[in-house]
N, C-alpha and C. Protein backbone atom coordinates (compact mmCIF):
# COMPACT_ATOMS: atom_id res chain seq x y z
N MET A 1 -7.15 3.80 -14.31
CA MET A 1 -7.15 3.45 -13.00
C MET A 1 -8.67 3.87 -12.54
N GLN A 2 -8.87 3.12 -11.36
CA GLN A 2 -9.94 3.43 -10.44
C GLN A 2 -9.65 3.49 -9.05
N ILE A 3 -10.08 4.65 -8.42
CA ILE A 3 -9.82 5.03 -7.20
C ILE A 3 -11.06 5.23 -6.35
N GLU A 4 -10.92 4.71 -5.13
CA GLU A 4 -12.15 4.95 -4.27
C GLU A 4 -11.61 5.32 -2.88
N LEU A 5 -11.87 6.30 -2.45
CA LEU A 5 -11.40 7.00 -1.04
C LEU A 5 -12.59 7.03 -0.13
N THR A 6 -12.36 6.39 0.92
CA THR A 6 -13.15 6.32 2.23
C THR A 6 -12.44 6.70 3.64
N SER A 7 -12.84 7.60 4.34
CA SER A 7 -12.11 7.94 5.58
C SER A 7 -10.86 7.25 6.09
N GLY A 8 -9.84 7.74 5.56
CA GLY A 8 -8.66 7.05 5.81
C GLY A 8 -8.01 5.87 5.10
N SER A 9 -8.88 5.54 4.06
CA SER A 9 -8.65 4.40 3.25
C SER A 9 -8.73 4.79 1.61
N LEU A 10 -7.65 4.10 1.06
CA LEU A 10 -7.82 4.47 -0.39
C LEU A 10 -7.80 3.07 -1.15
N ASN A 11 -8.90 2.92 -1.97
CA ASN A 11 -8.73 1.48 -2.66
C ASN A 11 -8.19 1.86 -4.39
N LEU A 12 -7.23 1.30 -4.73
CA LEU A 12 -7.01 1.61 -6.15
C LEU A 12 -6.95 0.29 -6.99
N ARG A 13 -7.39 0.63 -8.08
CA ARG A 13 -7.25 -0.50 -9.09
C ARG A 13 -6.58 0.03 -10.42
N VAL A 14 -5.45 -0.49 -10.55
CA VAL A 14 -4.35 -0.03 -11.79
C VAL A 14 -4.73 -0.95 -12.85
N ARG A 15 -5.26 -0.48 -14.01
CA ARG A 15 -5.48 -1.66 -15.16
C ARG A 15 -4.44 -1.43 -16.00
N ARG A 16 -3.79 -0.41 -16.14
CA ARG A 16 -2.59 -0.03 -16.97
C ARG A 16 -1.49 0.66 -16.35
N LEU A 17 -0.15 0.36 -16.55
CA LEU A 17 0.81 0.97 -15.94
C LEU A 17 1.98 0.82 -17.03
N ASN A 18 2.32 1.83 -17.64
CA ASN A 18 3.36 1.68 -18.64
C ASN A 18 4.72 1.68 -18.01
N ARG A 19 5.88 1.41 -18.44
CA ARG A 19 7.12 1.38 -18.20
C ARG A 19 7.74 2.44 -17.44
N ASP A 20 7.34 3.42 -18.27
CA ASP A 20 8.07 4.87 -17.67
C ASP A 20 6.95 5.48 -16.68
N ASP A 21 5.83 5.04 -16.39
CA ASP A 21 4.71 5.55 -15.27
C ASP A 21 5.34 5.46 -13.89
N VAL A 22 5.12 6.50 -13.12
CA VAL A 22 5.44 6.16 -11.79
C VAL A 22 3.90 6.48 -10.93
N PHE A 23 3.82 5.74 -10.05
CA PHE A 23 2.64 5.94 -9.43
C PHE A 23 2.84 5.74 -7.73
N GLU A 24 2.64 6.87 -6.95
CA GLU A 24 2.95 6.72 -5.50
C GLU A 24 1.96 7.34 -4.66
N VAL A 25 1.58 6.47 -3.51
CA VAL A 25 0.74 6.92 -2.57
C VAL A 25 1.52 7.35 -1.37
N ASP A 26 1.40 8.56 -0.99
CA ASP A 26 2.05 8.91 0.16
C ASP A 26 1.15 9.21 1.43
N THR A 27 1.88 8.41 2.52
CA THR A 27 1.12 9.08 3.81
C THR A 27 2.07 9.46 4.90
N PRO A 28 1.76 9.93 6.16
CA PRO A 28 2.51 10.59 7.00
C PRO A 28 3.85 9.95 7.10
N ASN A 29 3.60 8.40 7.27
CA ASN A 29 5.00 7.68 7.61
C ASN A 29 5.63 6.75 6.54
N GLN A 30 4.97 6.79 5.21
CA GLN A 30 5.73 6.02 4.24
C GLN A 30 5.21 6.49 2.81
N ALA A 31 5.76 6.19 1.80
CA ALA A 31 5.29 6.28 0.59
C ALA A 31 5.28 4.81 -0.05
N PHE A 32 4.20 4.59 -0.88
CA PHE A 32 3.98 3.34 -1.30
C PHE A 32 4.02 3.43 -2.88
N SER A 33 5.22 2.72 -3.60
CA SER A 33 5.01 2.88 -4.92
C SER A 33 4.56 1.53 -5.66
N ILE A 34 3.82 1.84 -6.65
CA ILE A 34 3.31 0.76 -7.45
C ILE A 34 3.74 0.27 -8.66
N PHE A 35 4.21 -0.90 -8.83
CA PHE A 35 5.00 -1.34 -10.10
C PHE A 35 4.29 -1.89 -10.96
N GLU A 36 3.05 -2.68 -10.81
CA GLU A 36 2.49 -3.27 -11.76
C GLU A 36 0.99 -3.19 -11.73
N ARG A 37 0.43 -3.49 -12.58
CA ARG A 37 -1.34 -3.50 -12.65
C ARG A 37 -1.65 -4.31 -11.33
N GLY A 38 -2.82 -4.07 -10.97
CA GLY A 38 -3.29 -4.80 -9.84
C GLY A 38 -4.48 -3.97 -9.10
N ARG A 39 -4.62 -4.69 -7.82
CA ARG A 39 -5.68 -4.07 -6.86
C ARG A 39 -4.87 -3.69 -5.55
N TYR A 40 -5.07 -2.53 -4.97
CA TYR A 40 -4.23 -2.21 -3.81
C TYR A 40 -5.21 -1.45 -2.91
N ARG A 41 -4.78 -1.53 -1.42
CA ARG A 41 -5.43 -0.69 -0.45
C ARG A 41 -4.36 -0.12 0.44
N VAL A 42 -4.68 1.09 0.81
CA VAL A 42 -3.62 2.09 1.64
C VAL A 42 -4.40 2.37 2.74
N GLU A 43 -4.24 2.29 3.98
CA GLU A 43 -5.24 2.94 5.07
C GLU A 43 -4.07 3.51 5.96
N ALA A 44 -4.53 4.73 6.28
CA ALA A 44 -3.56 5.55 7.16
C ALA A 44 -4.60 5.94 8.39
N SER A 45 -3.76 5.93 9.61
CA SER A 45 -4.30 6.35 10.83
C SER A 45 -4.48 7.90 10.91
N GLU A 46 -5.60 8.48 11.66
CA GLU A 46 -5.76 9.80 11.46
C GLU A 46 -4.56 10.66 12.14
N ASP A 47 -3.74 9.98 13.11
CA ASP A 47 -2.74 10.71 13.90
C ASP A 47 -1.43 10.46 12.85
N GLY A 48 -1.45 9.69 11.76
CA GLY A 48 -0.30 9.39 11.05
C GLY A 48 0.67 8.62 11.68
N ALA A 49 0.22 7.82 12.80
CA ALA A 49 1.28 7.02 13.10
C ALA A 49 1.27 5.69 12.70
N TYR A 50 0.43 5.02 11.94
CA TYR A 50 0.57 3.97 10.95
C TYR A 50 -0.16 3.94 9.81
N THR A 51 0.43 3.17 8.90
CA THR A 51 -0.34 2.75 7.59
C THR A 51 -0.36 1.15 7.50
N VAL A 52 -1.32 1.01 6.80
CA VAL A 52 -1.63 -0.46 6.43
C VAL A 52 -1.79 -0.55 4.89
N VAL A 53 -0.84 -1.38 4.07
CA VAL A 53 -0.95 -1.41 2.67
C VAL A 53 -1.11 -2.91 2.23
N SER A 54 -2.29 -2.91 1.66
CA SER A 54 -2.44 -4.27 1.25
C SER A 54 -2.74 -4.54 -0.36
N VAL A 55 -1.82 -5.59 -0.78
CA VAL A 55 -1.86 -5.81 -2.16
C VAL A 55 -2.44 -7.14 -2.44
N ARG A 56 -3.62 -6.90 -3.03
CA ARG A 56 -4.62 -8.15 -3.52
C ARG A 56 -3.85 -8.69 -4.88
N GLU A 57 -3.56 -7.85 -5.71
CA GLU A 57 -2.92 -8.32 -6.86
C GLU A 57 -2.03 -7.39 -7.22
N GLY A 58 -0.76 -7.78 -7.93
CA GLY A 58 0.17 -6.74 -8.46
C GLY A 58 1.34 -6.76 -7.46
N GLU A 59 2.22 -5.67 -7.36
CA GLU A 59 3.39 -5.67 -6.81
C GLU A 59 3.75 -4.09 -6.76
N GLY A 60 4.21 -4.11 -5.25
CA GLY A 60 4.89 -2.58 -4.97
C GLY A 60 5.88 -2.37 -3.94
N GLU A 61 6.17 -1.25 -3.43
CA GLU A 61 7.24 -1.14 -2.44
C GLU A 61 6.78 -0.04 -1.47
N SER A 62 6.93 -0.04 -0.11
CA SER A 62 6.92 0.88 0.90
C SER A 62 8.18 1.51 1.41
N THR A 63 8.30 2.55 1.40
CA THR A 63 9.33 3.16 1.84
C THR A 63 9.16 4.26 3.01
N GLY A 64 9.96 4.15 3.99
CA GLY A 64 9.75 5.17 5.18
C GLY A 64 11.29 5.20 5.96
N ASN A 65 11.75 6.17 6.17
CA ASN A 65 12.58 6.54 7.16
C ASN A 65 13.83 5.46 6.92
N GLY A 66 14.25 5.38 5.54
CA GLY A 66 15.32 4.57 4.93
C GLY A 66 15.03 3.34 4.93
N GLU A 67 13.94 2.73 5.32
CA GLU A 67 13.54 1.31 5.20
C GLU A 67 12.77 0.98 3.98
N THR A 68 12.74 -0.20 3.30
CA THR A 68 12.15 -0.46 1.99
C THR A 68 11.49 -1.76 2.30
N TYR A 69 10.23 -1.94 2.20
CA TYR A 69 9.48 -3.37 2.09
C TYR A 69 9.07 -3.62 0.81
N ALA A 70 9.26 -4.62 0.18
CA ALA A 70 8.60 -5.11 -0.99
C ALA A 70 7.31 -6.05 -0.71
N LEU A 71 6.31 -5.70 -1.58
CA LEU A 71 5.08 -6.16 -1.20
C LEU A 71 4.59 -6.96 -2.42
N HIS A 72 3.86 -7.95 -2.57
CA HIS A 72 3.57 -8.90 -3.69
C HIS A 72 1.89 -9.16 -3.39
N GLY A 73 1.44 -9.92 -4.53
CA GLY A 73 -0.13 -10.28 -4.47
C GLY A 73 -0.33 -11.09 -3.30
N GLY A 74 -1.15 -10.66 -2.44
CA GLY A 74 -1.64 -11.52 -1.41
C GLY A 74 -1.04 -11.14 -0.17
N GLU A 75 -0.31 -10.02 -0.04
CA GLU A 75 0.43 -9.57 1.18
C GLU A 75 -0.11 -8.54 1.78
N ARG A 76 0.27 -8.11 3.04
CA ARG A 76 -0.28 -6.86 3.60
C ARG A 76 0.94 -6.61 4.60
N VAL A 77 1.04 -5.26 4.88
CA VAL A 77 2.14 -4.87 5.82
C VAL A 77 1.47 -3.68 6.63
N THR A 78 1.77 -3.63 7.73
CA THR A 78 1.43 -2.40 8.78
C THR A 78 2.76 -1.80 9.19
N LEU A 79 2.91 -0.76 8.73
CA LEU A 79 4.03 0.23 8.97
C LEU A 79 3.68 1.30 10.27
N SER A 80 4.47 1.18 11.38
CA SER A 80 4.07 2.06 12.29
C SER A 80 5.34 2.73 12.72
N GLY A 81 5.09 4.14 13.37
CA GLY A 81 6.03 4.69 13.77
C GLY A 81 6.34 6.07 12.97
N THR A 82 6.84 7.07 13.34
CA THR A 82 7.08 8.20 12.66
C THR A 82 8.62 8.42 12.53
N GLU A 83 9.34 8.41 13.77
CA GLU A 83 10.72 8.64 13.76
C GLU A 83 11.62 7.39 13.26
N TRP A 84 11.04 6.42 13.46
CA TRP A 84 11.65 4.92 13.19
C TRP A 84 10.34 4.16 12.31
N LEU A 85 10.64 3.26 11.63
CA LEU A 85 9.39 2.36 11.07
C LEU A 85 9.56 0.87 11.50
N ASP A 86 8.43 0.49 12.02
CA ASP A 86 8.29 -0.80 12.19
C ASP A 86 7.26 -1.60 11.23
N ALA A 87 7.68 -2.83 10.84
CA ALA A 87 6.96 -3.14 9.68
C ALA A 87 6.32 -4.68 10.29
N GLY A 88 4.97 -5.03 10.16
CA GLY A 88 4.67 -6.44 10.50
C GLY A 88 3.73 -6.93 9.36
N GLY A 89 4.36 -7.75 8.67
CA GLY A 89 3.61 -8.49 7.43
C GLY A 89 3.05 -9.63 7.56
N GLN A 90 2.08 -9.88 6.65
CA GLN A 90 1.04 -10.97 6.97
C GLN A 90 0.69 -11.44 5.58
N LYS A 91 0.13 -12.74 5.31
CA LYS A 91 -0.38 -13.07 3.97
C LYS A 91 -2.00 -12.78 4.00
N ILE A 92 -2.60 -12.54 3.02
CA ILE A 92 -4.02 -12.26 2.98
C ILE A 92 -4.65 -13.24 2.39
N GLY A 93 -5.77 -13.55 2.66
CA GLY A 93 -6.74 -14.21 1.65
C GLY A 93 -7.39 -13.52 0.67
N GLY A 94 -7.83 -14.33 -0.40
CA GLY A 94 -8.58 -13.55 -1.34
C GLY A 94 -9.93 -12.85 -0.81
N PRO A 95 -10.48 -12.03 -1.57
CA PRO A 95 -11.62 -11.12 -1.11
C PRO A 95 -13.04 -12.27 -1.01
N ASP A 96 -13.69 -11.88 0.07
CA ASP A 96 -14.98 -12.79 0.38
C ASP A 96 -16.01 -12.57 -0.70
N GLU A 97 -17.19 -13.36 -0.45
CA GLU A 97 -18.25 -13.23 -1.66
C GLU A 97 -19.00 -11.92 -1.60
N PHE A 98 -18.75 -11.28 -0.28
CA PHE A 98 -19.60 -9.99 -0.09
C PHE A 98 -19.08 -8.84 -0.85
């Protein structure tokens, strides 16, 4: 696994994940569980009010305040709120040449 952390952002490349392995990234308003190999990015606001989870490749699930959101390759979700969780999802394109 390769991890890169920059001010409020975490880039992950999971190269191997065995069947019994559990990998989870927690932020103040959600927990993101990774289910398979892939490339992921988790961004959390400084005040903990929102989290953006992007899945370039792979599959995972964000959970917070009893709500669960499945994410697949090419998807991004913005989870906002702390007492309740509001999710806005969208498709993302491939990485650019930069």
